[in-house]
C-alpha atoms as a PDB file:
ATOM      1  CA  UNK A   1     -23.725  -2.033  -2.699  1.00  0.00           C
ATOM      2  CA  UNK A   2     -24.458  -5.668  -2.806  1.00  0.00           C
ATOM      3  CA  UNK A   3     -27.534  -7.854  -3.657  1.00  0.00           C
ATOM      4  CA  UNK A   4     -26.307 -11.277  -2.526  1.00  0.00           C
ATOM      5  CA  UNK A   5     -23.292 -10.725  -0.418  1.00  0.00           C
ATOM      6  CA  UNK A   6     -20.633 -13.385   0.104  1.00  0.00           C
ATOM      7  CA  UNK A   7     -21.080 -14.794   3.594  1.00  0.00           C
ATOM      8  CA  UNK A   8     -18.324 -13.799   6.073  1.00  0.00           C
ATOM      9  CA  UNK A   9     -17.220 -17.453   6.639  1.00  0.00           C
ATOM     10  CA  UNK A  10     -16.589 -17.883   2.812  1.00  0.00           C
ATOM     11  CA  UNK A  11     -13.918 -15.192   3.418  1.00  0.00           C
ATOM     12  CA  UNK A  12     -11.654 -17.809   5.020  1.00  0.00           C
ATOM     13  CA  UNK A  13     -11.985 -20.030   1.981  1.00  0.00           C
ATOM     14  CA  UNK A  14     -11.219 -17.048  -0.431  1.00  0.00           C
ATOM     15  CA  UNK A  15      -8.077 -16.108   1.624  1.00  0.00           C
ATOM     16  CA  UNK A  16      -6.860 -19.652   1.499  1.00  0.00           C
ATOM     17  CA  UNK A  17      -3.132 -20.124   0.259  1.00  0.00           C
ATOM     18  CA  UNK A  18      -4.470 -23.018  -1.896  1.00  0.00           C
ATOM     19  CA  UNK A  19      -6.338 -20.471  -4.093  1.00  0.00           C
ATOM     20  CA  UNK A  20      -2.950 -18.976  -5.200  1.00  0.00           C
ATOM     21  CA  UNK A  21      -2.412 -22.159  -7.294  1.00  0.00           C
ATOM     22  CA  UNK A  22      -5.258 -21.038  -9.547  1.00  0.00           C
ATOM     23  CA  UNK A  23      -5.304 -17.281  -9.079  1.00  0.00           C
ATOM     24  CA  UNK A  24      -1.987 -15.965  -7.889  1.00  0.00           C
ATOM     25  CA  UNK A  25      -2.405 -12.240  -6.887  1.00  0.00           C
ATOM     26  CA  UNK A  26       1.178 -11.299  -7.606  1.00  0.00           C
ATOM     27  CA  UNK A  27       1.016 -12.915 -11.165  1.00  0.00           C
ATOM     28  CA  UNK A  28      -2.240 -11.305 -11.888  1.00  0.00           C
ATOM     29  CA  UNK A  29      -1.488  -7.850 -10.685  1.00  0.00           C
ATOM     30  CA  UNK A  30       2.217  -7.357 -11.451  1.00  0.00           C
ATOM     31  CA  UNK A  31       1.518  -5.932 -14.963  1.00  0.00           C
ATOM     32  CA  UNK A  32      -0.554  -3.052 -13.438  1.00  0.00           C
ATOM     33  CA  UNK A  33       0.666  -2.249  -9.886  1.00  0.00           C
ATOM     34  CA  UNK A  34       3.980  -0.411  -9.267  1.00  0.00           C
ATOM     35  CA  UNK A  35       5.842   0.939  -6.315  1.00  0.00           C
ATOM     36  CA  UNK A  36       4.383   4.133  -4.730  1.00  0.00           C
ATOM     37  CA  UNK A  37       0.948   3.788  -6.265  1.00  0.00           C
ATOM     38  CA  UNK A  38      -2.379   4.305  -4.566  1.00  0.00           C
ATOM     39  CA  UNK A  39      -4.450   1.322  -5.150  1.00  0.00           C
ATOM     40  CA  UNK A  40      -8.210   0.685  -4.466  1.00  0.00           C
ATOM     41  CA  UNK A  41      -9.299  -2.957  -3.546  1.00  0.00           C
ATOM     42  CA  UNK A  42     -13.077  -3.072  -3.839  1.00  0.00           C
ATOM     43  CA  UNK A  43     -14.683  -5.985  -2.016  1.00  0.00           C
ATOM     44  CA  UNK A  44     -11.290  -6.632  -0.281  1.00  0.00           C
ATOM     45  CA  UNK A  45     -12.771  -9.269   2.029  1.00  0.00           C
ATOM     46  CA  UNK A  46      -9.965 -10.708   4.198  1.00  0.00           C
ATOM     47  CA  UNK A  47      -7.217  -9.391   1.980  1.00  0.00           C
ATOM     48  CA  UNK A  48      -6.300 -12.226  -0.548  1.00  0.00           C
ATOM     49  CA  UNK A  49      -5.440  -9.435  -3.043  1.00  0.00           C
ATOM     50  CA  UNK A  50      -4.968  -6.519  -0.510  1.00  0.00           C
ATOM     51  CA  UNK A  51      -1.939  -7.941   1.240  1.00  0.00           C
ATOM     52  CA  UNK A  52       0.108  -8.741  -1.887  1.00  0.00           C
ATOM     53  CA  UNK A  53      -1.100  -5.387  -3.409  1.00  0.00           C
ATOM     54  CA  UNK A  54       0.292  -3.559  -0.182  1.00  0.00           C
ATOM     55  CA  UNK A  55       3.685  -5.371  -0.667  1.00  0.00           C
ATOM     56  CA  UNK A  56       3.697  -4.458  -4.416  1.00  0.00           C
ATOM     57  CA  UNK A  57       3.107  -0.689  -3.713  1.00  0.00           C
ATOM     58  CA  UNK A  58       5.933  -0.561  -1.334  1.00  0.00           C
ATOM     59  CA  UNK A  59       6.487   1.552   1.854  1.00  0.00           C
ATOM     60  CA  UNK A  60       5.490   4.820   0.059  1.00  0.00           C
ATOM     61  CA  UNK A  61       2.351   3.305  -1.506  1.00  0.00           C
ATOM     62  CA  UNK A  62      -1.106   2.883  -0.103  1.00  0.00           C
ATOM     63  CA  UNK A  63      -3.933   0.348  -0.537  1.00  0.00           C
ATOM     64  CA  UNK A  64      -7.565   1.444   0.232  1.00  0.00           C
ATOM     65  CA  UNK A  65      -9.623  -1.718   1.095  1.00  0.00           C
ATOM     66  CA  UNK A  66     -13.394  -1.286   0.617  1.00  0.00           C
ATOM     67  CA  UNK A  67     -15.874  -3.945   1.891  1.00  0.00           C
ATOM     68  CA  UNK A  68     -19.544  -4.190   2.895  1.00  0.00           C
ATOM     69  CA  UNK A  69     -18.828  -6.318   5.885  1.00  0.00           C
ATOM     70  CA  UNK A  70     -17.033  -5.019   8.913  1.00  0.00           C
ATOM     71  CA  UNK A  71     -16.050  -8.441   9.928  1.00  0.00           C
ATOM     72  CA  UNK A  72     -14.186  -8.837   6.781  1.00  0.00           C
ATOM     73  CA  UNK A  73     -12.260  -5.530   7.279  1.00  0.00           C
ATOM     74  CA  UNK A  74     -11.539  -6.477  10.964  1.00  0.00           C
ATOM     75  CA  UNK A  75     -10.003  -9.742   9.838  1.00  0.00           C
ATOM     76  CA  UNK A  76      -8.063  -7.999   7.093  1.00  0.00           C
ATOM     77  CA  UNK A  77      -6.503  -5.644   9.653  1.00  0.00           C
ATOM     78  CA  UNK A  78      -5.516  -8.651  11.711  1.00  0.00           C
ATOM     79  CA  UNK A  79      -3.872 -10.304   8.854  1.00  0.00           C
ATOM     80  CA  UNK A  80      -2.213  -7.076   7.812  1.00  0.00           C
ATOM     81  CA  UNK A  81      -0.857  -6.382  11.247  1.00  0.00           C
ATOM     82  CA  UNK A  82       0.806  -9.865  11.393  1.00  0.00           C
ATOM     83  CA  UNK A  83       2.652  -9.060   8.177  1.00  0.00           C
ATOM     84  CA  UNK A  84       3.564  -5.551   9.404  1.00  0.00           C
ATOM     85  CA  UNK A  85       1.502  -4.024   6.470  1.00  0.00           C
ATOM     86  CA  UNK A  86      -1.264  -2.216   8.492  1.00  0.00           C
ATOM     87  CA  UNK A  87       0.330   1.263   8.231  1.00  0.00           C
ATOM     88  CA  UNK A  88      -0.032   1.203   4.356  1.00  0.00           C
ATOM     89  CA  UNK A  89      -3.767   0.078   4.528  1.00  0.00           C
ATOM     90  CA  UNK A  90      -6.694   2.197   4.815  1.00  0.00           C
ATOM     91  CA  UNK A  91     -10.060   0.381   5.267  1.00  0.00           C
ATOM     92  CA  UNK A  92     -13.468   1.879   4.435  1.00  0.00           C
ATOM     93  CA  UNK A  93     -16.833   0.261   5.121  1.00  0.00           C
ATOM     94  CA  UNK A  94     -19.238   0.853   2.240  1.00  0.00           C
ATOM     95  CA  UNK A  95     -22.920   0.510   2.180  1.00  0.00           C
ATOM     96  CA  UNK A  96     -25.623  -0.708  -0.180  1.00  0.00           C
ATOM     97  CA  UNK A  97     -25.804   2.619  -1.999  1.00  0.00           C
ATOM     98  CA  UNK A  98     -22.255   3.740  -2.272  1.00  0.00           C
ATOM     99  CA  UNK A  99     -18.624   2.701  -2.117  1.00  0.00           C
ATOM    100  CA  UNK A 100     -17.866   5.591   0.229  1.00  0.00           C
ATOM    101  CA  UNK A 101     -14.933   6.898  -1.687  1.00  0.00           C
ATOM    102  CA  UNK A 102     -15.240  10.436  -0.210  1.00  0.00           C
ATOM    103  CA  UNK A 103     -12.073  12.433  -0.691  1.00  0.00           C
ATOM    104  CA  UNK A 104     -10.604  10.067  -3.291  1.00  0.00           C
ATOM    105  CA  UNK A 105     -11.577  11.944  -6.499  1.00  0.00           C
ATOM    106  CA  UNK A 106      -8.450  11.625  -8.895  1.00  0.00           C
ATOM    107  CA  UNK A 107      -6.414   9.905  -6.316  1.00  0.00           C
ATOM    108  CA  UNK A 108      -6.276   6.338  -7.383  1.00  0.00           C
ATOM    109  CA  UNK A 109      -3.720   4.782  -9.758  1.00  0.00           C
ATOM    110  CA  UNK A 110      -5.274   1.350 -10.047  1.00  0.00           C
ATOM    111  CA  UNK A 111      -8.446  -0.227  -8.834  1.00  0.00           C
ATOM    112  CA  UNK A 112      -9.321  -3.873  -8.544  1.00  0.00           C
ATOM    113  CA  UNK A 113     -12.864  -5.399  -8.537  1.00  0.00           C
ATOM    114  CA  UNK A 114     -12.367  -9.142  -8.360  1.00  0.00           C
ATOM    115  CA  UNK A 115     -15.433 -11.406  -8.169  1.00  0.00           C
ATOM    116  CA  UNK A 116     -17.599  -8.825  -6.767  1.00  0.00           C
ATOM    117  CA  UNK A 117     -19.296  -6.639  -9.378  1.00  0.00           C
ATOM    118  CA  UNK A 118     -22.162  -9.336  -9.847  1.00  0.00           C
ATOM    119  CA  UNK A 119     -23.161  -8.493  -6.310  1.00  0.00           C
ATOM    120  CA  UNK A 120     -23.673  -4.883  -6.922  1.00  0.00           C
ATOM    121  CA  UNK A 121     -27.455  -3.840  -7.504  1.00  0.00           C
ATOM    122  CA  UNK A 122     -26.586  -0.573  -9.087  1.00  0.00           C
ATOM    123  CA  UNK A 123     -23.703  -1.105 -11.512  1.00  0.00           C
ATOM    124  CA  UNK A 124     -23.871   2.254 -13.106  1.00  0.00           C
ATOM    125  CA  UNK A 125     -23.415   4.055  -9.734  1.00  0.00           C
ATOM    126  CA  UNK A 126     -20.702   1.674  -8.968  1.00  0.00           C
ATOM    127  CA  UNK A 127     -18.598   2.473 -12.169  1.00  0.00           C
ATOM    128  CA  UNK A 128     -19.232   6.203 -11.799  1.00  0.00           C
ATOM    129  CA  UNK A 129     -17.762   6.199  -8.294  1.00  0.00           C
ATOM    130  CA  UNK A 130     -14.695   4.157  -9.358  1.00  0.00           C
ATOM    131  CA  UNK A 131     -14.368   6.297 -12.481  1.00  0.00           C
ATOM    132  CA  UNK A 132     -14.330   9.548 -10.415  1.00  0.00           C
ATOM    133  CA  UNK A 133     -11.709   8.062  -7.884  1.00  0.00           C
ATOM    134  CA  UNK A 134      -9.153   7.220 -10.654  1.00  0.00           C
ATOM    135  CA  UNK A 135      -6.538   9.436 -11.927  1.00  0.00           C
ATOM    136  CA  UNK A 136      -6.487  10.328 -15.694  1.00  0.00           C
ATOM    137  CA  UNK A 137      -5.257   6.962 -17.412  1.00  0.00           C
ATOM    138  CA  UNK A 138      -6.007   5.194 -14.161  1.00  0.00           C
ATOM    139  CA  UNK A 139      -6.994   1.538 -14.591  1.00  0.00           C
ATOM    140  CA  UNK A 140      -9.624  -0.703 -13.183  1.00  0.00           C
ATOM    141  CA  UNK A 141      -9.353  -4.497 -13.458  1.00  0.00           C
ATOM    142  CA  UNK A 142     -12.698  -6.328 -13.330  1.00  0.00           C
ATOM    143  CA  UNK A 143     -12.706 -10.006 -12.991  1.00  0.00           C
ATOM    144  CA  UNK A 144     -15.861 -12.160 -12.386  1.00  0.00           C
ATOM    145  CA  UNK A 145     -16.288 -15.947 -11.791  1.00  0.00           C
ATOM    146  CA  UNK A 146     -16.952 -17.713 -14.987  1.00  0.00           C
ATOM    147  CA  UNK A 147     -18.769 -20.379 -13.182  1.00  0.00           C
ATOM    148  CA  UNK A 148     -21.223 -17.991 -11.621  1.00  0.00           C
ATOM    149  CA  UNK A 149     -21.389 -15.169 -14.092  1.00  0.00           C
ATOM    150  CA  UNK A 150     -22.431 -15.846 -17.744  1.00  0.00           C
ATOM    151  CA  UNK A 151     -20.301 -14.446 -20.574  1.00  0.00           C
ATOM    152  CA  UNK A 152     -23.577 -12.526 -21.587  1.00  0.00           C
ATOM    153  CA  UNK A 153     -23.952 -11.000 -18.142  1.00  0.00           C
ATOM    154  CA  UNK A 154     -20.360  -9.949 -18.088  1.00  0.00           C
ATOM    155  CA  UNK A 155     -20.619  -8.225 -21.370  1.00  0.00           C
ATOM    156  CA  UNK A 156     -23.624  -6.354 -20.052  1.00  0.00           C
ATOM    157  CA  UNK A 157     -21.356  -5.297 -16.980  1.00  0.00           C
ATOM    158  CA  UNK A 158     -18.638  -4.052 -19.477  1.00  0.00           C
ATOM    159  CA  UNK A 159     -21.208  -2.161 -21.554  1.00  0.00           C
ATOM    160  CA  UNK A 160     -22.258  -0.360 -18.273  1.00  0.00           C
ATOM    161  CA  UNK A 161     -18.700   0.457 -17.579  1.00  0.00           C
ATOM    162  CA  UNK A 162     -18.174   1.848 -21.094  1.00  0.00           C
ATOM    163  CA  UNK A 163     -21.316   3.928 -20.832  1.00  0.00           C
ATOM    164  CA  UNK A 164     -19.882   5.519 -17.666  1.00  0.00           C
ATOM    165  CA  UNK A 165     -16.719   6.618 -19.528  1.00  0.00           C
ATOM    166  CA  UNK A 166     -14.447   3.740 -19.284  1.00  0.00           C
ATOM    167  CA  UNK A 167     -12.390   2.506 -22.261  1.00  0.00           C
ATOM    168  CA  UNK A 168     -11.465  -1.135 -22.666  1.00  0.00           C
ATOM    169  CA  UNK A 169      -7.657  -1.656 -22.586  1.00  0.00           C
ATOM    170  CA  UNK A 170      -7.431  -5.441 -22.757  1.00  0.00           C
ATOM    171  CA  UNK A 171      -8.989  -8.577 -21.711  1.00  0.00           C
ATOM    172  CA  UNK A 172      -6.334 -10.311 -19.425  1.00  0.00           C
ATOM    173  CA  UNK A 173      -6.413 -14.069 -19.088  1.00  0.00           C
ATOM    174  CA  UNK A 174      -7.303 -15.024 -15.567  1.00  0.00           C
ATOM    175  CA  UNK A 175      -8.020 -18.636 -14.619  1.00  0.00           C
ATOM    176  CA  UNK A 176     -11.820 -19.364 -14.252  1.00  0.00           C
ATOM    177  CA  UNK A 177     -12.667 -15.766 -14.802  1.00  0.00           C
ATOM    178  CA  UNK A 178     -14.117 -13.290 -17.283  1.00  0.00           C
ATOM    179  CA  UNK A 179     -11.866 -10.208 -17.110  1.00  0.00           C
ATOM    180  CA  UNK A 180     -11.434  -6.787 -18.537  1.00  0.00           C
ATOM    181  CA  UNK A 181      -8.867  -4.167 -17.973  1.00  0.00           C
ATOM    182  CA  UNK A 182     -10.614  -0.703 -18.127  1.00  0.00           C
ATOM    183  CA  UNK A 183      -8.978   2.750 -18.349  1.00  0.00           C
ATOM    184  CA  UNK A 184     -10.265   6.252 -17.385  1.00  0.00           C
END
């Protein structure tokens, strides 16, 4: 589902502990993620958000990690195994045309799309698939890099999300990002 996919090697930079100084996953996600939830991490890469999400949902929760690159998912699994979190993670390899969310209709409590929607060629299909996966009142947090995505382009993305049925709940403040919290 991507136009210009982030190269695999950049995944190491994105997973760097130094990134937490500006974009701390726990601080960003604590208001939305609770124990026992089923969470969808779209564009999970090597798990910068996935691993903290897995800790946040607890032993009875689950994180479904979707990425276009098999190498990213393989590295995520290695990192999850080292932290004894692998049993709570499900990985899914998506493709250019679909997130491959088969069997997840109305199953997801919270979804995250961090710095990846701008790579999606068909945003309408993307938002429809995520919308279908969410439970009633389920939330989707979309954040895009402000240095890479203009405010105007971000608003176009939000308009597409609204046209597929999402409601805007808020615009959380996330460092160096345009962001919106959407609700089904």
